Amino acid sequence: MDGNGRWAQGRGLPRTAGHRAGADAVRRVVEAAGEQGIDVLTLYAFSSDNWRRPAAEVEALMRLLRGYLRNEVDKLRGNGVRLSFIGRRDRLSPVLVRMIESAEETTRAGRKLHLRIALDYSSRDAIVAAARAMAEAQVFSRQELSRLLDSPDVDLLIRTSGEQRVSDYLLWEIAYAEFHFAACHWPDFDGAELAAALASYRSRERRFGGIPAAV
């Protein structure tokens, strides 16, 4: 979800206004994802490196997340959306951790869409933790690493704001992902942009290292 700050600065607004607009985009995209038959949607809300940002901006982001949880969880449950979070929780406030746990429990039965929020997330850290667990158990395999990461393979990775890098995001899971780069900033991303990304994805031939099957 790139470009909130640049979206705001381009309009002469504070960066926090861009983050608020980005939260509105989350609502639109989650609704569109459910309508377009997506099973799992993972949004990169806050990376472990984002703690380097100014404290006021970090607090604004966390405040927006608390507001999202207060206002959207019942709606998510009503729409059959399961909400879960990946990433560290030990650096989050106790209040936010309790809200996250409550939201996950409240929406656990959702089957229409699994919405995952990556918060204080680093794929490198997740892989290191999984590798450490494998070393302790003396079990080494791709399957075991995938099990420990508890994260499905990615079919389509969408990057907004013209950015064309991975940024420590789901590094194991995107091994065979298709990439789509949207020029618009995240606050302008909507159902039409999502549909365009899905149309591009569906037009591609995915071989997973093999060759196309004979017709």
Protein backbone atom coordinates (compact mmCIF):
# COMPACT_ATOMS: atom_id res chain seq x y z
CA MET A 1 0.00 0.00 0.00
CA ASP A 2 2.48 2.59 -1.25
CA GLY A 3 2.12 6.30 -1.78
CA ASN A 4 -0.07 7.62 1.03
CA GLY A 5 2.42 10.33 1.97
CA ARG A 6 3.15 11.30 -1.62
CA TRP A 7 -0.57 11.42 -2.39
CA ALA A 8 -1.04 13.90 0.46
CA GLN A 9 2.02 16.00 -0.32
CA GLY A 10 0.91 16.32 -3.94
CA ARG A 11 -2.27 17.92 -2.65
CA GLY A 12 -0.58 20.18 -0.14
CA LEU A 13 -1.85 18.09 2.77
CA PRO A 14 -0.03 16.58 5.76
CA ARG A 15 1.13 12.98 5.37
CA THR A 16 -1.41 11.87 7.96
CA ALA A 17 -4.20 12.92 5.57
CA GLY A 18 -2.74 10.48 3.06
CA HIS A 19 -2.84 7.69 5.61
CA ARG A 20 -6.50 8.46 6.34
CA ALA A 21 -7.25 8.32 2.62
CA GLY A 22 -5.32 5.06 2.48
CA ALA A 23 -7.58 3.59 5.16
CA ASP A 24 -10.58 4.49 3.00
CA ALA A 25 -8.92 2.66 0.10
CA VAL A 26 -8.60 -0.44 2.28
CA ARG A 27 -12.38 -0.48 2.73
CA ARG A 28 -12.97 -0.16 -1.03
CA VAL A 29 -10.45 -2.82 -1.98
CA VAL A 30 -11.63 -5.33 0.63
CA GLU A 31 -15.19 -4.95 -0.65
CA ALA A 32 -14.05 -5.31 -4.27
CA ALA A 33 -11.90 -8.33 -3.46
CA GLY A 34 -14.89 -10.15 -2.02
CA GLU A 35 -16.99 -9.29 -5.06
CA GLN A 36 -14.30 -10.47 -7.48
CA GLY A 37 -13.85 -13.88 -5.90
CA ILE A 38 -10.49 -13.43 -4.20
CA ASP A 39 -9.97 -15.97 -1.42
CA VAL A 40 -7.00 -14.41 0.42
CA LEU A 41 -5.91 -10.77 0.42
CA THR A 42 -2.79 -9.69 2.31
CA LEU A 43 -2.14 -5.97 2.81
CA TYR A 44 1.26 -4.63 3.87
CA ALA A 45 0.23 -2.05 6.45
CA PHE A 46 3.44 -1.49 8.44
CA SER A 47 6.87 -3.04 7.96
CA SER A 48 9.38 -3.62 10.72
CA ASP A 49 11.53 -0.94 9.06
CA ASN A 50 8.70 1.60 9.34
CA TRP A 51 9.55 2.12 13.01
CA ARG A 52 12.28 4.41 11.65
CA ARG A 53 9.66 6.95 10.63
CA PRO A 54 8.94 9.98 12.85
CA ALA A 55 7.21 8.99 16.08
CA ALA A 56 4.24 11.25 15.33
CA GLU A 57 3.62 9.54 12.00
CA VAL A 58 3.93 6.07 13.54
CA GLU A 59 1.42 7.00 16.24
CA ALA A 60 -0.96 8.37 13.60
CA LEU A 61 -0.76 5.06 11.74
CA MET A 62 -1.45 3.06 14.89
CA ARG A 63 -4.34 5.37 15.76
CA LEU A 64 -5.84 4.77 12.32
CA LEU A 65 -5.50 1.02 12.82
CA ARG A 66 -7.26 1.20 16.19
CA GLY A 67 -10.04 3.19 14.55
CA TYR A 68 -10.32 0.65 11.74
CA LEU A 69 -10.66 -2.19 14.23
CA ARG A 70 -13.29 -0.32 16.24
CA ASN A 71 -15.37 0.61 13.21
CA GLU A 72 -14.97 -2.25 10.74
CA VAL A 73 -14.82 -5.57 12.60
CA ASP A 74 -18.58 -6.05 12.90
CA LYS A 75 -18.99 -5.19 9.23
CA LEU A 76 -16.26 -7.65 8.25
CA ARG A 77 -17.93 -10.39 10.25
CA GLY A 78 -21.30 -9.61 8.69
CA ASN A 79 -19.77 -9.85 5.22
CA GLY A 80 -18.08 -13.19 5.90
CA VAL A 81 -14.55 -11.76 6.06
CA ARG A 82 -12.01 -13.36 8.34
CA LEU A 83 -9.39 -10.90 9.63
CA SER A 84 -5.95 -11.97 10.84
CA PHE A 85 -2.58 -10.32 11.38
CA ILE A 86 0.96 -11.46 10.56
CA GLY A 87 4.12 -9.97 12.03
CA ARG A 88 5.42 -9.18 15.48
CA ARG A 89 3.17 -8.09 18.32
CA ASP A 90 5.63 -7.56 21.14
CA ARG A 91 6.38 -3.99 20.03
CA LEU A 92 2.71 -3.00 19.75
CA SER A 93 0.80 -1.38 22.60
CA PRO A 94 -1.11 -3.79 24.86
CA VAL A 95 -4.36 -2.05 23.92
CA LEU A 96 -3.75 -2.65 20.20
CA VAL A 97 -2.75 -6.27 20.79
CA ARG A 98 -6.01 -6.89 22.66
CA MET A 99 -7.98 -5.28 19.86
CA ILE A 100 -6.21 -7.44 17.28
CA GLU A 101 -6.87 -10.62 19.24
CA SER A 102 -10.52 -9.69 19.69
CA ALA A 103 -10.93 -8.92 15.98
CA GLU A 104 -9.36 -12.23 14.99
CA GLU A 105 -11.65 -14.15 17.31
CA THR A 106 -14.74 -12.20 16.27
CA THR A 107 -14.20 -12.85 12.54
CA ARG A 108 -12.74 -16.35 12.78
CA ALA A 109 -15.76 -17.98 11.10
CA GLY A 110 -15.54 -15.83 7.95
CA ARG A 111 -15.30 -17.87 4.76
CA LYS A 112 -15.90 -15.41 1.91
CA LEU A 113 -12.51 -13.69 2.16
CA HIS A 114 -9.47 -14.05 4.40
CA LEU A 115 -8.06 -10.56 4.95
CA ARG A 116 -4.53 -10.63 6.36
CA ILE A 117 -2.82 -7.47 7.61
CA ALA A 118 0.99 -7.47 7.75
CA LEU A 119 1.86 -5.33 10.78
CA ASP A 120 5.40 -4.87 12.14
CA TYR A 121 6.22 -7.48 9.52
CA SER A 122 9.56 -8.57 8.07
CA SER A 123 9.72 -11.59 5.79
CA ARG A 124 13.42 -12.05 6.57
CA ASP A 125 12.65 -12.19 10.29
CA ALA A 126 9.81 -14.65 9.69
CA ILE A 127 12.08 -16.94 7.66
CA VAL A 128 14.84 -16.77 10.30
CA ALA A 129 12.34 -17.71 13.03
CA ALA A 130 11.06 -20.63 10.96
CA ALA A 131 14.60 -21.81 10.22
CA ARG A 132 15.45 -21.67 13.92
CA ALA A 133 12.38 -23.81 14.70
CA MET A 134 13.41 -26.32 12.03
CA ALA A 135 16.92 -26.52 13.46
CA GLU A 136 15.54 -27.18 16.94
CA ALA A 137 13.26 -29.93 15.60
CA GLN A 138 15.91 -31.25 13.19
CA VAL A 139 13.34 -31.25 10.41
CA PHE A 140 14.42 -29.56 7.18
CA SER A 141 12.18 -29.35 4.13
CA ARG A 142 10.32 -26.87 1.99
CA GLN A 143 7.06 -28.22 3.33
CA GLU A 144 8.12 -27.71 6.94
CA LEU A 145 9.28 -24.16 6.30
CA SER A 146 5.97 -23.35 4.61
CA ARG A 147 4.10 -24.90 7.52
CA LEU A 148 6.00 -22.84 10.06
CA LEU A 149 5.49 -19.63 8.11
CA ASP A 150 1.76 -20.47 8.02
CA SER A 151 1.32 -18.28 4.96
CA PRO A 152 -0.09 -19.36 1.57
CA ASP A 153 1.81 -18.98 -1.67
CA VAL A 154 1.07 -15.71 -3.45
CA ASP A 155 -0.49 -15.78 -6.93
CA LEU A 156 -0.46 -12.04 -7.63
CA LEU A 157 1.57 -9.30 -5.97
CA ILE A 158 0.34 -5.75 -6.61
CA ARG A 159 2.58 -2.78 -5.93
CA THR A 160 1.13 0.74 -6.11
CA SER A 161 2.68 4.17 -6.57
CA GLY A 162 4.98 2.98 -9.35
CA GLU A 163 7.28 1.17 -6.92
CA GLN A 164 9.00 -1.90 -8.39
CA ARG A 165 10.69 -3.63 -5.48
CA VAL A 166 9.75 -6.36 -3.00
CA SER A 167 10.64 -4.57 0.27
CA ASP A 168 11.01 -7.61 2.53
CA TYR A 169 7.48 -8.80 1.81
CA LEU A 170 6.48 -12.49 1.72
CA LEU A 171 9.82 -13.44 0.18
CA TRP A 172 9.25 -17.19 0.44
CA GLU A 173 5.62 -17.03 -0.63
CA ILE A 174 6.17 -15.01 -3.85
CA ALA A 175 8.53 -17.56 -5.42
CA TYR A 176 6.18 -17.98 -8.41
CA ALA A 177 3.97 -14.93 -8.00
CA GLU A 178 2.97 -12.74 -10.90
CA PHE A 179 3.70 -9.02 -10.40
CA HIS A 180 1.53 -6.05 -11.27
CA PHE A 181 2.77 -2.47 -10.90
CA ALA A 182 0.10 0.21 -10.60
CA ALA A 183 1.13 3.80 -11.24
CA CYS A 184 -1.47 5.29 -8.91
CA HIS A 185 -0.85 5.93 -5.23
CA TRP A 186 -2.65 3.64 -2.80
CA PRO A 187 -5.38 6.17 -1.83
CA ASP A 188 -6.49 6.17 -5.50
CA PHE A 189 -6.51 2.37 -5.80
CA ASP A 190 -10.04 1.02 -6.12
CA GLY A 191 -12.15 -1.80 -7.51
CA ALA A 192 -11.42 -0.80 -11.11
CA GLU A 193 -7.66 -0.87 -10.47
CA LEU A 194 -8.02 -4.26 -8.80
CA ALA A 195 -10.04 -5.58 -11.74
CA ALA A 196 -7.34 -4.38 -14.15
CA ALA A 197 -4.65 -6.16 -12.13
CA LEU A 198 -6.70 -9.37 -12.10
CA ALA A 199 -7.33 -9.15 -15.84
CA SER A 200 -3.59 -8.80 -16.45
CA TYR A 201 -2.93 -11.76 -14.17
CA ARG A 202 -5.47 -13.98 -15.92
CA SER A 203 -3.94 -13.24 -19.31
CA ARG A 204 -0.57 -14.67 -18.29
CA GLU A 205 0.69 -18.21 -18.74
CA ARG A 206 1.92 -19.63 -15.45
CA ARG A 207 4.33 -22.54 -15.98
CA PHE A 208 6.00 -22.87 -12.56
CA GLY A 209 9.28 -23.81 -14.22
CA GLY A 210 7.72 -26.30 -16.63
CA ILE A 211 6.36 -26.02 -20.17
CA PRO A 212 2.77 -25.51 -21.29
CA ALA A 213 0.68 -28.66 -21.45
CA ALA A 214 -0.16 -29.89 -24.94
CA VAL A 215 -3.54 -28.69 -26.17
